[in-house]
Amino acid sequence: MSAEDSFNNLQRVDSTRDTPQDEVENDNKEILGAEAEHAPATPPVLPTIPSESIELDIDLSAILGPTEEDGVEKIKKRQSNVLKLSEENEKLKAQLKAMTDRIEAAERKREELAKRAHQRDPSHATAVGAK
């Protein structure tokens, strides 16, 4: 056999072998199996959506949650409540001081009356002071 005959034989053997692309296609067919052969040629028909049933005016605050404006309003409301409570606290402190002053004045007056009564009648003052 000549070199030319050997070369021709090699070409015939090479032409019967699969190219890399053919090997990939064969592998894909094996992997996909019968499903690839029976796949529909046209895509499935999608349902149509009627345009009149679409509601486009959605409140985004329901989706996004509270906004910064809501937070500012809450802070202002808290400030107002704190101010009212502070004012009420000051009024109560003033009332407490007035009541304390009246009680102290009443105690001083009672002691003074007891002292006067003791000066006038020592036996009667002891009975009054004991009460």
Protein backbone atom coordinates (compact mmCIF):
# COMPACT_ATOMS: atom_id res chain seq x y z
CA MET A 1 0.00 0.00 0.00
CA SER A 2 1.20 3.33 -0.95
CA ALA A 3 1.23 6.41 1.17
CA GLU A 4 -1.54 7.83 -0.96
CA ASP A 5 -3.78 4.84 -0.29
CA SER A 6 -3.14 5.12 3.46
CA PHE A 7 -4.05 8.79 3.38
CA ASN A 8 -7.33 8.06 1.54
CA ASN A 9 -8.20 5.36 4.08
CA LEU A 10 -7.62 7.81 6.96
CA GLN A 11 -9.88 10.38 5.33
CA ARG A 12 -12.68 7.82 5.01
CA VAL A 13 -12.35 6.82 8.68
CA ASP A 14 -12.30 10.46 9.78
CA SER A 15 -15.38 11.32 7.74
CA THR A 16 -17.41 8.61 9.51
CA ARG A 17 -16.51 9.97 12.94
CA ASP A 18 -18.74 12.56 14.62
CA THR A 19 -17.56 16.12 14.82
CA PRO A 20 -17.56 17.78 18.27
CA GLN A 21 -20.78 19.54 17.35
CA ASP A 22 -22.41 16.24 16.40
CA GLU A 23 -21.31 14.76 19.73
CA VAL A 24 -22.93 17.64 21.67
CA GLU A 25 -26.18 17.24 19.72
CA ASN A 26 -26.19 13.51 20.38
CA ASP A 27 -25.58 14.09 24.08
CA ASN A 28 -28.44 16.59 24.21
CA LYS A 29 -30.79 14.12 22.57
CA GLU A 30 -29.82 11.46 25.09
CA ILE A 31 -30.27 13.82 28.04
CA LEU A 32 -33.58 15.21 26.91
CA GLY A 33 -34.81 11.86 25.71
CA ALA A 34 -38.21 11.54 24.21
CA GLU A 35 -39.39 14.88 25.64
CA ALA A 36 -37.27 16.84 23.18
CA GLU A 37 -38.71 14.92 20.26
CA HIS A 38 -42.33 15.40 21.39
CA ALA A 39 -42.08 19.07 22.38
CA PRO A 40 -44.72 21.30 20.77
CA ALA A 41 -43.48 23.39 17.89
CA THR A 42 -45.55 26.47 18.87
CA PRO A 43 -45.46 28.18 22.28
CA PRO A 44 -48.52 27.75 24.51
CA VAL A 45 -51.30 30.31 24.17
CA LEU A 46 -51.36 32.73 27.11
CA PRO A 47 -54.65 34.09 28.45
CA THR A 48 -55.49 37.70 27.71
CA ILE A 49 -55.98 40.17 30.54
CA PRO A 50 -58.96 42.49 30.10
CA SER A 51 -57.89 46.12 30.47
CA GLU A 52 -61.02 47.26 32.31
CA SER A 53 -60.36 44.96 35.30
CA ILE A 54 -56.95 46.45 36.01
CA GLU A 55 -56.92 48.81 39.00
CA LEU A 56 -54.04 51.26 38.67
CA ASP A 57 -54.74 53.58 41.58
CA ILE A 58 -53.05 51.54 44.32
CA ASP A 59 -52.09 53.23 47.58
CA LEU A 60 -48.30 52.86 47.71
CA SER A 61 -48.18 53.45 51.47
CA ALA A 62 -49.83 50.06 51.89
CA ILE A 63 -46.91 48.50 50.01
CA LEU A 64 -44.03 50.65 51.21
CA GLY A 65 -45.10 51.09 54.83
CA PRO A 66 -45.06 54.31 56.85
CA THR A 67 -43.44 57.30 55.20
CA GLU A 68 -41.19 59.94 56.71
CA GLU A 69 -44.16 62.33 56.91
CA ASP A 70 -45.98 59.87 59.17
CA GLY A 71 -42.92 59.79 61.43
CA VAL A 72 -42.79 63.60 61.57
CA GLU A 73 -46.49 63.74 62.49
CA LYS A 74 -45.95 61.21 65.28
CA ILE A 75 -43.01 63.20 66.63
CA LYS A 76 -45.03 66.43 66.61
CA LYS A 77 -47.88 64.69 68.42
CA ARG A 78 -45.47 63.33 71.04
CA GLN A 79 -43.97 66.79 71.53
CA SER A 80 -47.46 68.21 72.04
CA ASN A 81 -48.30 65.47 74.56
CA VAL A 82 -45.05 66.03 76.45
CA LEU A 83 -45.71 69.77 76.61
CA LYS A 84 -49.24 69.21 77.96
CA LEU A 85 -47.97 66.74 80.55
CA SER A 86 -45.22 69.16 81.61
CA GLU A 87 -47.74 71.95 82.09
CA GLU A 88 -50.02 69.66 84.07
CA ASN A 89 -47.06 68.54 86.19
CA GLU A 90 -46.18 72.18 86.99
CA LYS A 91 -49.80 72.89 88.01
CA LEU A 92 -49.82 69.84 90.29
CA LYS A 93 -46.51 70.90 91.86
CA ALA A 94 -47.97 74.37 92.54
CA GLN A 95 -51.09 72.83 94.11
CA LEU A 96 -48.95 70.52 96.26
CA LYS A 97 -46.85 73.47 97.46
CA ALA A 98 -50.01 75.47 98.30
CA MET A 99 -51.47 72.54 100.26
CA THR A 100 -48.17 72.00 102.09
CA ASP A 101 -48.04 75.70 102.98
CA ARG A 102 -51.64 75.58 104.31
CA ILE A 103 -50.89 72.46 106.39
CA GLU A 104 -47.75 74.04 107.83
CA ALA A 105 -49.68 77.23 108.61
CA ALA A 106 -52.43 75.21 110.31
CA GLU A 107 -49.84 73.31 112.37
CA ARG A 108 -48.16 76.59 113.43
CA LYS A 109 -51.54 78.05 114.39
CA ARG A 110 -52.44 74.93 116.40
CA GLU A 111 -49.10 75.05 118.22
CA GLU A 112 -49.59 78.77 118.94
CA LEU A 113 -53.09 78.16 120.28
CA ALA A 114 -51.82 75.28 122.40
CA LYS A 115 -49.05 77.52 123.75
CA ARG A 116 -51.54 80.28 124.65
CA ALA A 117 -53.85 77.80 126.28
CA HIS A 118 -50.95 76.42 128.32
CA GLN A 119 -50.03 79.90 129.48
CA ARG A 120 -53.61 80.58 130.65
CA ASP A 121 -54.40 77.21 132.18
CA PRO A 122 -51.53 74.72 132.50
CA SER A 123 -53.81 71.76 133.37
CA HIS A 124 -56.07 72.35 130.35
CA ALA A 125 -53.10 72.70 127.92
CA THR A 126 -51.82 69.25 128.82
CA ALA A 127 -55.16 67.72 127.91
CA VAL A 128 -55.33 69.67 124.63
CA GLY A 129 -51.74 68.79 123.70
CA ALA A 130 -52.39 65.10 124.40
CA LYS A 131 -55.17 64.99 121.84
